[in-house]
Amino acid sequence: MKYTLTFLFSFFALTYSHDSSARTITRFRDSVALSTIAQFMYDSAEDIPQSIKLSDKKMNIKDTKKCVTVSATVVKEEVSKAISKILRFYPDEDLPFEEALNDLEDYLDHQNFKKCAMEKVTPESRILTSYFLDKHDLIHVRLDTTLN
């Protein structure tokens, strides 16, 4: 009986510690802060000269051999810089910047990512896209920068 209780206690302790380290954010919509920031960036796109849009929309990349491997820290830094570029135009806006970055870190789960850079040229503008995806194709981060 003593060993059974010890085994059960160990089992529950390991199960609980494993669950507590699991990702709690599996898409942007799971985070109010990330959703708010992404929506604000989308809404402000027409008001500023160089708009940047943030999303977790999946893209179909046919050849990932042209993509480079980066860490989750690099993804977080690039997203942070992009958000900061937009927020400097709106210094009076009270947006959950730090909370969004913390939620993004949870979403990224400290993995390595493939970073794919693409460019689309139209007569009106040039769109630079930085797209990040994990090796399981479950986590996606997309930054679209429109240059007029």
C-alpha atoms as a PDB file:
ATOM      1  CA  MET A   1       0.000   0.000   0.000  1.00  0.00           C
ATOM      2  CA  LYS A   2       2.837   2.359   0.863  1.00  0.00           C
ATOM      3  CA  TYR A   3       4.430   1.857  -2.554  1.00  0.00           C
ATOM      4  CA  THR A   4       1.082   2.303  -4.309  1.00  0.00           C
ATOM      5  CA  LEU A   5       0.578   5.690  -2.665  1.00  0.00           C
ATOM      6  CA  THR A   6       4.135   6.723  -3.530  1.00  0.00           C
ATOM      7  CA  PHE A   7       3.612   5.657  -7.143  1.00  0.00           C
ATOM      8  CA  LEU A   8       0.287   7.498  -7.402  1.00  0.00           C
ATOM      9  CA  PHE A   9       1.749  10.636  -5.853  1.00  0.00           C
ATOM     10  CA  SER A  10       4.703  10.531  -8.275  1.00  0.00           C
ATOM     11  CA  PHE A  11       2.404   9.939 -11.239  1.00  0.00           C
ATOM     12  CA  PHE A  12       0.167  12.912 -10.387  1.00  0.00           C
ATOM     13  CA  ALA A  13       3.149  15.143  -9.673  1.00  0.00           C
ATOM     14  CA  LEU A  14       4.714  14.341 -13.050  1.00  0.00           C
ATOM     15  CA  THR A  15       1.413  14.725 -14.864  1.00  0.00           C
ATOM     16  CA  TYR A  16       0.712  18.081 -13.243  1.00  0.00           C
ATOM     17  CA  SER A  17       4.207  19.450 -13.915  1.00  0.00           C
ATOM     18  CA  HIS A  18       3.982  18.363 -17.584  1.00  0.00           C
ATOM     19  CA  ASP A  19       0.611  20.063 -18.063  1.00  0.00           C
ATOM     20  CA  SER A  20       1.746  23.295 -16.447  1.00  0.00           C
ATOM     21  CA  SER A  21       4.568  23.689 -18.973  1.00  0.00           C
ATOM     22  CA  ALA A  22       2.297  23.169 -21.987  1.00  0.00           C
ATOM     23  CA  ARG A  23       1.417  26.056 -24.276  1.00  0.00           C
ATOM     24  CA  THR A  24      -1.713  27.907 -23.258  1.00  0.00           C
ATOM     25  CA  ILE A  25      -1.911  29.974 -26.447  1.00  0.00           C
ATOM     26  CA  THR A  26      -2.235  27.981 -29.651  1.00  0.00           C
ATOM     27  CA  ARG A  27      -3.432  30.838 -31.919  1.00  0.00           C
ATOM     28  CA  PHE A  28      -3.647  34.623 -31.747  1.00  0.00           C
ATOM     29  CA  ARG A  29      -7.359  34.499 -30.875  1.00  0.00           C
ATOM     30  CA  ASP A  30      -6.484  32.764 -27.589  1.00  0.00           C
ATOM     31  CA  SER A  31      -4.813  35.981 -26.437  1.00  0.00           C
ATOM     32  CA  VAL A  32      -6.797  39.174 -26.004  1.00  0.00           C
ATOM     33  CA  ALA A  33      -3.555  41.185 -26.060  1.00  0.00           C
ATOM     34  CA  LEU A  34      -2.241  39.658 -29.299  1.00  0.00           C
ATOM     35  CA  SER A  35      -5.630  39.962 -30.970  1.00  0.00           C
ATOM     36  CA  THR A  36      -5.932  43.598 -29.897  1.00  0.00           C
ATOM     37  CA  ILE A  37      -2.465  44.502 -31.197  1.00  0.00           C
ATOM     38  CA  ALA A  38      -2.964  42.639 -34.492  1.00  0.00           C
ATOM     39  CA  GLN A  39      -6.358  44.283 -35.042  1.00  0.00           C
ATOM     40  CA  PHE A  40      -4.974  47.728 -34.206  1.00  0.00           C
ATOM     41  CA  MET A  41      -2.129  47.233 -36.709  1.00  0.00           C
ATOM     42  CA  TYR A  42      -4.649  46.177 -39.347  1.00  0.00           C
ATOM     43  CA  ASP A  43      -6.978  49.103 -38.624  1.00  0.00           C
ATOM     44  CA  SER A  44      -4.181  51.677 -38.745  1.00  0.00           C
ATOM     45  CA  ALA A  45      -2.730  50.370 -42.027  1.00  0.00           C
ATOM     46  CA  GLU A  46      -4.291  53.073 -44.201  1.00  0.00           C
ATOM     47  CA  ASP A  47      -3.357  55.935 -41.873  1.00  0.00           C
ATOM     48  CA  ILE A  48       0.422  55.584 -41.906  1.00  0.00           C
ATOM     49  CA  PRO A  49       3.009  55.675 -44.712  1.00  0.00           C
ATOM     50  CA  GLN A  50       4.519  52.241 -44.012  1.00  0.00           C
ATOM     51  CA  SER A  51       1.906  49.865 -42.706  1.00  0.00           C
ATOM     52  CA  ILE A  52       2.689  46.576 -41.013  1.00  0.00           C
ATOM     53  CA  LYS A  53       0.143  43.846 -40.433  1.00  0.00           C
ATOM     54  CA  LEU A  54       0.603  41.006 -37.956  1.00  0.00           C
ATOM     55  CA  SER A  55      -1.248  37.707 -38.183  1.00  0.00           C
ATOM     56  CA  ASP A  56      -1.023  33.991 -37.557  1.00  0.00           C
ATOM     57  CA  LYS A  57      -2.466  33.247 -40.978  1.00  0.00           C
ATOM     58  CA  LYS A  58      -0.924  30.184 -42.590  1.00  0.00           C
ATOM     59  CA  MET A  59       0.744  30.489 -45.976  1.00  0.00           C
ATOM     60  CA  ASN A  60       1.530  27.700 -48.392  1.00  0.00           C
ATOM     61  CA  ILE A  61       5.274  27.666 -48.875  1.00  0.00           C
ATOM     62  CA  LYS A  62       6.255  25.248 -51.620  1.00  0.00           C
ATOM     63  CA  ASP A  63      10.008  25.329 -51.099  1.00  0.00           C
ATOM     64  CA  THR A  64      11.270  25.945 -47.563  1.00  0.00           C
ATOM     65  CA  LYS A  65      14.872  25.325 -48.675  1.00  0.00           C
ATOM     66  CA  LYS A  66      15.180  29.059 -49.371  1.00  0.00           C
ATOM     67  CA  CYS A  67      14.105  29.857 -45.808  1.00  0.00           C
ATOM     68  CA  VAL A  68      16.566  30.283 -42.946  1.00  0.00           C
ATOM     69  CA  THR A  69      16.336  28.809 -39.470  1.00  0.00           C
ATOM     70  CA  VAL A  70      15.900  31.276 -36.602  1.00  0.00           C
ATOM     71  CA  SER A  71      15.114  30.993 -32.908  1.00  0.00           C
ATOM     72  CA  ALA A  72      11.908  32.037 -31.181  1.00  0.00           C
ATOM     73  CA  THR A  73      13.854  34.981 -29.740  1.00  0.00           C
ATOM     74  CA  VAL A  74      14.475  36.334 -33.242  1.00  0.00           C
ATOM     75  CA  VAL A  75      10.778  35.990 -34.098  1.00  0.00           C
ATOM     76  CA  LYS A  76       9.802  37.822 -30.909  1.00  0.00           C
ATOM     77  CA  GLU A  77      12.329  40.609 -31.601  1.00  0.00           C
ATOM     78  CA  GLU A  78      11.072  41.128 -35.156  1.00  0.00           C
ATOM     79  CA  VAL A  79       7.453  41.231 -34.025  1.00  0.00           C
ATOM     80  CA  SER A  80       8.351  43.599 -31.191  1.00  0.00           C
ATOM     81  CA  LYS A  81      10.111  45.968 -33.596  1.00  0.00           C
ATOM     82  CA  ALA A  82       7.175  45.861 -36.008  1.00  0.00           C
ATOM     83  CA  ILE A  83       4.671  46.666 -33.266  1.00  0.00           C
ATOM     84  CA  SER A  84       6.893  49.482 -31.981  1.00  0.00           C
ATOM     85  CA  LYS A  85       7.105  51.006 -35.477  1.00  0.00           C
ATOM     86  CA  ILE A  86       3.315  51.251 -35.557  1.00  0.00           C
ATOM     87  CA  LEU A  87       2.860  52.411 -31.967  1.00  0.00           C
ATOM     88  CA  ARG A  88       5.243  55.347 -32.417  1.00  0.00           C
ATOM     89  CA  PHE A  89       2.581  56.942 -34.630  1.00  0.00           C
ATOM     90  CA  TYR A  90       0.062  56.578 -31.801  1.00  0.00           C
ATOM     91  CA  PRO A  91       1.816  57.539 -28.543  1.00  0.00           C
ATOM     92  CA  ASP A  92      -1.477  58.138 -26.717  1.00  0.00           C
ATOM     93  CA  GLU A  93      -2.923  54.692 -27.430  1.00  0.00           C
ATOM     94  CA  ASP A  94      -3.087  52.443 -24.403  1.00  0.00           C
ATOM     95  CA  LEU A  95      -2.451  49.011 -25.891  1.00  0.00           C
ATOM     96  CA  PRO A  96      -1.294  45.832 -24.079  1.00  0.00           C
ATOM     97  CA  PHE A  97       2.185  45.773 -25.663  1.00  0.00           C
ATOM     98  CA  GLU A  98       4.057  43.910 -22.888  1.00  0.00           C
ATOM     99  CA  GLU A  99       1.231  41.438 -22.362  1.00  0.00           C
ATOM    100  CA  ALA A 100       1.121  40.750 -26.116  1.00  0.00           C
ATOM    101  CA  LEU A 101       4.859  40.015 -26.143  1.00  0.00           C
ATOM    102  CA  ASN A 102       4.487  37.660 -23.170  1.00  0.00           C
ATOM    103  CA  ASP A 103       1.617  35.878 -24.909  1.00  0.00           C
ATOM    104  CA  LEU A 104       3.640  35.724 -28.122  1.00  0.00           C
ATOM    105  CA  GLU A 105       6.468  34.061 -26.213  1.00  0.00           C
ATOM    106  CA  ASP A 106       4.008  31.462 -24.927  1.00  0.00           C
ATOM    107  CA  TYR A 107       2.659  30.973 -28.468  1.00  0.00           C
ATOM    108  CA  LEU A 108       6.153  30.502 -29.915  1.00  0.00           C
ATOM    109  CA  ASP A 109       7.040  27.919 -27.257  1.00  0.00           C
ATOM    110  CA  HIS A 110      10.840  28.480 -27.534  1.00  0.00           C
ATOM    111  CA  GLN A 111      11.159  26.521 -30.755  1.00  0.00           C
ATOM    112  CA  ASN A 112      13.195  27.063 -33.883  1.00  0.00           C
ATOM    113  CA  PHE A 113      11.422  28.475 -36.912  1.00  0.00           C
ATOM    114  CA  LYS A 114      11.909  28.729 -40.634  1.00  0.00           C
ATOM    115  CA  LYS A 115      11.906  32.368 -41.716  1.00  0.00           C
ATOM    116  CA  CYS A 116      10.800  32.931 -45.274  1.00  0.00           C
ATOM    117  CA  ALA A 117      11.074  36.365 -46.845  1.00  0.00           C
ATOM    118  CA  MET A 118       8.928  37.226 -49.847  1.00  0.00           C
ATOM    119  CA  GLU A 119       8.220  40.299 -51.908  1.00  0.00           C
ATOM    120  CA  LYS A 120       5.177  41.222 -53.965  1.00  0.00           C
ATOM    121  CA  VAL A 121       5.267  44.248 -56.250  1.00  0.00           C
ATOM    122  CA  THR A 122       2.082  45.892 -57.473  1.00  0.00           C
ATOM    123  CA  PRO A 123       1.658  49.165 -59.378  1.00  0.00           C
ATOM    124  CA  GLU A 124       0.494  50.873 -56.158  1.00  0.00           C
ATOM    125  CA  SER A 125       2.872  49.376 -53.610  1.00  0.00           C
ATOM    126  CA  ARG A 126       5.497  46.859 -52.624  1.00  0.00           C
ATOM    127  CA  ILE A 127       4.683  44.281 -49.944  1.00  0.00           C
ATOM    128  CA  LEU A 128       7.471  42.624 -47.981  1.00  0.00           C
ATOM    129  CA  THR A 129       6.413  39.542 -46.055  1.00  0.00           C
ATOM    130  CA  SER A 130       8.331  37.844 -43.275  1.00  0.00           C
ATOM    131  CA  TYR A 131       6.768  34.496 -42.527  1.00  0.00           C
ATOM    132  CA  PHE A 132       7.779  32.209 -39.687  1.00  0.00           C
ATOM    133  CA  LEU A 133       6.698  28.591 -39.287  1.00  0.00           C
ATOM    134  CA  ASP A 134       7.741  25.831 -36.938  1.00  0.00           C
ATOM    135  CA  LYS A 135       8.916  22.397 -38.045  1.00  0.00           C
ATOM    136  CA  HIS A 136       5.508  20.827 -37.305  1.00  0.00           C
ATOM    137  CA  ASP A 137       3.672  23.480 -39.346  1.00  0.00           C
ATOM    138  CA  LEU A 138       1.485  24.342 -36.345  1.00  0.00           C
ATOM    139  CA  ILE A 139       2.799  27.778 -35.388  1.00  0.00           C
ATOM    140  CA  HIS A 140       2.694  30.620 -37.918  1.00  0.00           C
ATOM    141  CA  VAL A 141       3.628  34.289 -37.604  1.00  0.00           C
ATOM    142  CA  ARG A 142       3.273  36.627 -40.563  1.00  0.00           C
ATOM    143  CA  LEU A 143       4.415  40.244 -40.881  1.00  0.00           C
ATOM    144  CA  ASP A 144       3.323  42.119 -44.020  1.00  0.00           C
ATOM    145  CA  THR A 145       5.040  45.464 -44.523  1.00  0.00           C
ATOM    146  CA  THR A 146       3.512  47.649 -47.238  1.00  0.00           C
ATOM    147  CA  LEU A 147       5.759  50.266 -48.810  1.00  0.00           C
ATOM    148  CA  ASN A 148       3.969  52.916 -50.863  1.00  0.00           C
END
